[in-house]
Amino acid sequence: MEDNSKKNAPARERKVKGKVEIDIQKCKGCELCTAACKEQALTLSETINIKGYRYIIANNDACTGCVNCALVCPDAVITVYRTHPVKKPVDITPENIREQLQSIVSPSK
């Protein structure tokens, strides 16, 4: 019996993410990329392209940018971009900054 919990699980937070772009009009749906994708971010579409093939679609939320899919694609229709998530700024300003600045500007005698 197949475990579907991995397919329906939300993508875990990663340090590096990827964005997959596929030229769907040139894709022949050979599924070599889906076998190479460890994150199961690629699936076969239900619709067909202009050549009559079911093409590959990407779930970029699950992609890590490993480029395995692009390496195995025989028609070179997959491009992968790696992205680094933007870090949230952290406020490191001390609470008593006004007092510290005041003591520096006009020191007590």
N, C-alpha and C. Protein backbone atom coordinates (compact mmCIF):
# COMPACT_ATOMS: atom_id res chain seq x y z
N MET A 1 0.84 -1.18 0.00
CA MET A 1 0.00 0.00 0.00
C MET A 1 0.88 1.24 0.00
N GLU A 2 0.54 2.23 -0.79
CA GLU A 2 1.35 3.44 -0.93
C GLU A 2 0.99 4.46 0.15
N ASP A 3 2.03 5.12 0.67
CA ASP A 3 1.83 6.13 1.71
C ASP A 3 1.63 7.49 1.05
N ASN A 4 0.43 8.05 1.17
CA ASN A 4 0.11 9.34 0.56
C ASN A 4 0.38 10.51 1.48
N SER A 5 0.85 10.26 2.71
CA SER A 5 1.07 11.36 3.65
C SER A 5 2.18 12.29 3.18
N LYS A 6 3.19 11.76 2.46
CA LYS A 6 4.26 12.61 1.96
C LYS A 6 3.77 13.53 0.84
N LYS A 7 2.87 13.05 0.02
CA LYS A 7 2.38 13.85 -1.10
C LYS A 7 1.53 15.01 -0.62
N ASN A 8 0.79 14.81 0.45
CA ASN A 8 -0.13 15.84 0.94
C ASN A 8 0.48 16.70 2.03
N ALA A 9 1.69 16.37 2.49
CA ALA A 9 2.33 17.12 3.56
C ALA A 9 2.81 18.47 3.03
N PRO A 10 2.72 19.51 3.86
CA PRO A 10 3.22 20.83 3.41
C PRO A 10 4.73 20.79 3.27
N ALA A 11 5.24 21.64 2.39
CA ALA A 11 6.68 21.70 2.15
C ALA A 11 7.37 22.23 3.40
N ARG A 12 8.46 21.57 3.81
CA ARG A 12 9.17 22.04 4.99
C ARG A 12 10.06 23.22 4.62
N GLU A 13 10.35 24.03 5.61
CA GLU A 13 11.15 25.25 5.39
C GLU A 13 12.60 24.86 5.12
N ARG A 14 13.17 25.42 4.07
CA ARG A 14 14.53 25.10 3.66
C ARG A 14 15.37 26.37 3.59
N LYS A 15 16.68 26.19 3.70
CA LYS A 15 17.58 27.33 3.57
C LYS A 15 17.65 27.78 2.12
N VAL A 16 17.72 26.82 1.21
CA VAL A 16 17.80 27.13 -0.21
C VAL A 16 16.56 26.56 -0.90
N LYS A 17 15.95 27.36 -1.72
CA LYS A 17 14.79 26.90 -2.47
C LYS A 17 15.11 27.00 -3.95
N GLY A 18 14.25 26.40 -4.74
CA GLY A 18 14.46 26.44 -6.18
C GLY A 18 13.20 26.84 -6.91
N LYS A 19 13.40 27.27 -8.12
CA LYS A 19 12.29 27.60 -8.99
C LYS A 19 12.55 26.87 -10.31
N VAL A 20 11.62 26.02 -10.70
CA VAL A 20 11.76 25.23 -11.91
C VAL A 20 10.92 25.86 -13.01
N GLU A 21 11.54 26.07 -14.16
CA GLU A 21 10.80 26.53 -15.34
C GLU A 21 10.92 25.45 -16.40
N ILE A 22 9.77 25.08 -16.97
CA ILE A 22 9.72 24.02 -17.96
C ILE A 22 9.09 24.57 -19.23
N ASP A 23 9.74 24.34 -20.36
CA ASP A 23 9.16 24.71 -21.66
C ASP A 23 8.14 23.62 -22.00
N ILE A 24 6.90 23.84 -21.61
CA ILE A 24 5.90 22.78 -21.72
C ILE A 24 5.57 22.43 -23.17
N GLN A 25 5.79 23.33 -24.10
CA GLN A 25 5.50 23.02 -25.51
C GLN A 25 6.54 22.07 -26.10
N LYS A 26 7.73 22.00 -25.50
CA LYS A 26 8.78 21.10 -26.00
C LYS A 26 8.90 19.82 -25.17
N CYS A 27 8.27 19.78 -24.01
CA CYS A 27 8.36 18.62 -23.12
C CYS A 27 7.61 17.44 -23.72
N LYS A 28 8.24 16.25 -23.68
CA LYS A 28 7.62 15.04 -24.21
C LYS A 28 7.06 14.15 -23.11
N GLY A 29 7.16 14.58 -21.86
CA GLY A 29 6.58 13.83 -20.76
C GLY A 29 7.23 12.48 -20.51
N CYS A 30 8.53 12.38 -20.71
CA CYS A 30 9.23 11.10 -20.53
C CYS A 30 9.31 10.69 -19.06
N GLU A 31 9.12 11.62 -18.15
CA GLU A 31 9.12 11.42 -16.70
C GLU A 31 10.47 11.03 -16.11
N LEU A 32 11.56 11.23 -16.84
CA LEU A 32 12.88 11.00 -16.26
C LEU A 32 13.13 11.98 -15.12
N CYS A 33 12.64 13.19 -15.28
CA CYS A 33 12.84 14.21 -14.24
C CYS A 33 12.07 13.89 -12.97
N THR A 34 10.88 13.31 -13.10
CA THR A 34 10.10 12.97 -11.90
C THR A 34 10.79 11.88 -11.11
N ALA A 35 11.46 10.95 -11.80
CA ALA A 35 12.21 9.91 -11.10
C ALA A 35 13.45 10.48 -10.43
N ALA A 36 14.05 11.51 -11.02
CA ALA A 36 15.27 12.12 -10.47
C ALA A 36 14.99 13.07 -9.32
N CYS A 37 13.76 13.54 -9.20
CA CYS A 37 13.42 14.53 -8.17
C CYS A 37 13.19 13.85 -6.83
N LYS A 38 14.11 14.10 -5.88
CA LYS A 38 14.00 13.50 -4.55
C LYS A 38 12.89 14.12 -3.72
N GLU A 39 12.52 15.34 -4.06
CA GLU A 39 11.49 16.06 -3.30
C GLU A 39 10.09 15.84 -3.85
N GLN A 40 9.96 15.09 -4.92
CA GLN A 40 8.68 14.83 -5.58
C GLN A 40 7.96 16.13 -5.93
N ALA A 41 8.73 17.07 -6.48
CA ALA A 41 8.19 18.38 -6.84
C ALA A 41 7.67 18.42 -8.27
N LEU A 42 7.87 17.36 -9.03
CA LEU A 42 7.45 17.33 -10.43
C LEU A 42 6.40 16.24 -10.65
N THR A 43 5.37 16.60 -11.43
CA THR A 43 4.32 15.64 -11.74
C THR A 43 3.91 15.78 -13.20
N LEU A 44 3.27 14.76 -13.70
CA LEU A 44 2.78 14.77 -15.08
C LEU A 44 1.42 15.46 -15.12
N SER A 45 1.23 16.34 -16.08
CA SER A 45 -0.03 17.08 -16.17
C SER A 45 -1.15 16.20 -16.71
N GLU A 46 -2.34 16.66 -16.55
CA GLU A 46 -3.51 15.96 -17.09
C GLU A 46 -3.82 16.42 -18.51
N THR A 47 -3.27 17.57 -18.90
CA THR A 47 -3.53 18.12 -20.24
C THR A 47 -2.34 17.87 -21.15
N ILE A 48 -2.53 18.12 -22.43
CA ILE A 48 -1.47 17.87 -23.40
C ILE A 48 -0.96 19.19 -23.99
N ASN A 49 0.27 19.14 -24.50
CA ASN A 49 0.84 20.32 -25.14
C ASN A 49 0.54 20.30 -26.64
N ILE A 50 1.14 21.22 -27.37
CA ILE A 50 0.87 21.37 -28.80
C ILE A 50 1.30 20.14 -29.61
N LYS A 51 2.28 19.38 -29.08
CA LYS A 51 2.75 18.17 -29.76
C LYS A 51 1.94 16.93 -29.41
N GLY A 52 1.02 17.07 -28.46
CA GLY A 52 0.18 15.95 -28.07
C GLY A 52 0.70 15.14 -26.90
N TYR A 53 1.70 15.66 -26.19
CA TYR A 53 2.27 14.97 -25.03
C TYR A 53 1.73 15.57 -23.74
N ARG A 54 1.58 14.72 -22.72
CA ARG A 54 1.35 15.23 -21.37
C ARG A 54 2.69 15.75 -20.88
N TYR A 55 2.72 16.93 -20.37
CA TYR A 55 3.98 17.57 -19.98
C TYR A 55 4.13 17.58 -18.46
N ILE A 56 5.33 17.94 -18.02
CA ILE A 56 5.66 17.97 -16.60
C ILE A 56 5.31 19.34 -16.02
N ILE A 57 4.75 19.33 -14.83
CA ILE A 57 4.50 20.58 -14.10
C ILE A 57 5.25 20.52 -12.77
N ALA A 58 5.65 21.68 -12.28
CA ALA A 58 6.48 21.75 -11.08
C ALA A 58 5.73 22.37 -9.91
N ASN A 59 6.01 21.86 -8.72
CA ASN A 59 5.55 22.45 -7.48
C ASN A 59 6.76 23.15 -6.87
N ASN A 60 6.90 24.43 -7.14
CA ASN A 60 8.09 25.17 -6.70
C ASN A 60 8.18 25.32 -5.19
N ASP A 61 7.09 25.09 -4.46
CA ASP A 61 7.16 25.16 -3.01
C ASP A 61 7.97 24.01 -2.42
N ALA A 62 8.02 22.89 -3.13
CA ALA A 62 8.75 21.72 -2.65
C ALA A 62 10.16 21.64 -3.21
N CYS A 63 10.49 22.46 -4.19
CA CYS A 63 11.77 22.39 -4.88
C CYS A 63 12.91 22.93 -4.02
N THR A 64 14.04 22.19 -4.03
CA THR A 64 15.23 22.63 -3.31
C THR A 64 16.29 23.22 -4.23
N GLY A 65 16.06 23.17 -5.54
CA GLY A 65 17.01 23.71 -6.49
C GLY A 65 18.21 22.80 -6.73
N CYS A 66 18.04 21.50 -6.58
CA CYS A 66 19.16 20.56 -6.72
C CYS A 66 19.58 20.35 -8.18
N VAL A 67 18.78 20.72 -9.13
CA VAL A 67 18.98 20.63 -10.58
C VAL A 67 19.06 19.22 -11.14
N ASN A 68 18.72 18.19 -10.36
CA ASN A 68 18.73 16.82 -10.88
C ASN A 68 17.80 16.68 -12.07
N CYS A 69 16.65 17.33 -12.02
CA CYS A 69 15.68 17.22 -13.11
C CYS A 69 16.25 17.79 -14.41
N ALA A 70 16.92 18.91 -14.33
CA ALA A 70 17.50 19.53 -15.53
C ALA A 70 18.64 18.69 -16.09
N LEU A 71 19.39 18.03 -15.22
CA LEU A 71 20.51 17.21 -15.68
C LEU A 71 20.07 15.98 -16.46
N VAL A 72 18.93 15.39 -16.08
CA VAL A 72 18.49 14.17 -16.75
C VAL A 72 17.56 14.42 -17.93
N CYS A 73 17.11 15.66 -18.11
CA CYS A 73 16.16 15.95 -19.20
C CYS A 73 16.85 15.80 -20.55
N PRO A 74 16.39 14.84 -21.38
CA PRO A 74 17.05 14.61 -22.67
C PRO A 74 16.85 15.74 -23.67
N ASP A 75 15.82 16.54 -23.49
CA ASP A 75 15.52 17.62 -24.43
C ASP A 75 15.91 19.00 -23.89
N ALA A 76 16.50 19.05 -22.70
CA ALA A 76 16.96 20.29 -22.07
C ALA A 76 15.87 21.36 -22.04
N VAL A 77 14.68 20.97 -21.60
CA VAL A 77 13.56 21.91 -21.53
C VAL A 77 13.34 22.42 -20.10
N ILE A 78 14.19 22.00 -19.16
CA ILE A 78 14.03 22.38 -17.76
C ILE A 78 15.16 23.32 -17.36
N THR A 79 14.79 24.43 -16.74
CA THR A 79 15.76 25.37 -16.18
C THR A 79 15.44 25.52 -14.69
N VAL A 80 16.47 25.46 -13.87
CA VAL A 80 16.29 25.57 -12.42
C VAL A 80 17.04 26.79 -11.92
N TYR A 81 16.37 27.58 -11.11
CA TYR A 81 16.97 28.74 -10.46
C TYR A 81 16.96 28.51 -8.96
N ARG A 82 18.09 28.78 -8.32
CA ARG A 82 18.14 28.68 -6.86
C ARG A 82 17.86 30.04 -6.26
N THR A 83 17.07 30.03 -5.21
CA THR A 83 16.74 31.27 -4.52
C THR A 83 17.03 31.09 -3.04
N HIS A 84 17.47 32.15 -2.42
CA HIS A 84 17.70 32.14 -0.98
C HIS A 84 16.60 32.97 -0.34
N PRO A 85 15.88 32.38 0.61
CA PRO A 85 14.81 33.14 1.25
C PRO A 85 15.34 34.38 1.95
N VAL A 86 14.57 35.43 1.93
CA VAL A 86 14.96 36.68 2.56
C VAL A 86 14.82 36.52 4.07
N LYS A 87 15.90 36.85 4.76
CA LYS A 87 15.87 36.76 6.22
C LYS A 87 15.10 37.94 6.78
N LYS A 88 14.36 37.69 7.84
CA LYS A 88 13.62 38.75 8.50
C LYS A 88 14.61 39.60 9.30
N PRO A 89 14.49 40.93 9.19
CA PRO A 89 15.41 41.78 9.96
C PRO A 89 15.15 41.65 11.46
N VAL A 90 16.23 41.66 12.21
CA VAL A 90 16.14 41.56 13.66
C VAL A 90 16.55 42.89 14.25
N ASP A 91 15.72 43.41 15.13
CA ASP A 91 16.02 44.68 15.78
C ASP A 91 16.96 44.43 16.95
N ILE A 92 18.19 44.95 16.86
CA ILE A 92 19.17 44.75 17.92
C ILE A 92 19.44 46.05 18.69
N THR A 93 18.59 47.03 18.50
CA THR A 93 18.75 48.32 19.17
C THR A 93 18.46 48.14 20.66
N PRO A 94 19.40 48.57 21.51
CA PRO A 94 19.15 48.48 22.96
C PRO A 94 17.99 49.38 23.37
N GLU A 95 17.28 48.96 24.39
CA GLU A 95 16.12 49.73 24.85
C GLU A 95 16.52 51.11 25.40
N ASN A 96 17.68 51.19 26.00
CA ASN A 96 18.11 52.45 26.61
C ASN A 96 19.07 53.21 25.70
N ILE A 97 18.85 53.16 24.40
CA ILE A 97 19.75 53.81 23.45
C ILE A 97 19.77 55.33 23.62
N ARG A 98 18.63 55.92 23.97
CA ARG A 98 18.58 57.38 24.16
C ARG A 98 19.51 57.81 25.29
N GLU A 99 19.46 57.08 26.38
CA GLU A 99 20.31 57.43 27.53
C GLU A 99 21.79 57.25 27.18
N GLN A 100 22.09 56.17 26.43
CA GLN A 100 23.48 55.93 26.06
C GLN A 100 24.00 57.03 25.14
N LEU A 101 23.20 57.43 24.18
CA LEU A 101 23.61 58.48 23.25
C LEU A 101 23.75 59.82 23.98
N GLN A 102 22.82 60.10 24.87
CA GLN A 102 22.87 61.35 25.64
C GLN A 102 24.14 61.42 26.48
N SER A 103 24.54 60.30 27.06
CA SER A 103 25.75 60.29 27.90
C SER A 103 27.00 60.46 27.04
N ILE A 104 26.97 60.04 25.79
CA ILE A 104 28.11 60.20 24.89
C ILE A 104 28.19 61.65 24.40
N VAL A 105 27.05 62.23 24.03
CA VAL A 105 27.01 63.58 23.47
C VAL A 105 27.33 64.62 24.54
N SER A 106 26.73 64.52 25.68
CA SER A 106 26.99 65.50 26.74
C SER A 106 27.32 64.75 28.02
N PRO A 107 28.57 64.35 28.17
CA PRO A 107 28.96 63.59 29.36
C PRO A 107 28.88 64.45 30.62
N SER A 108 28.56 63.82 31.71
CA SER A 108 28.48 64.52 32.99
C SER A 108 29.88 64.86 33.49
N LYS A 109 30.00 66.04 34.10
CA LYS A 109 31.32 66.47 34.58
C LYS A 109 31.48 66.23 36.03
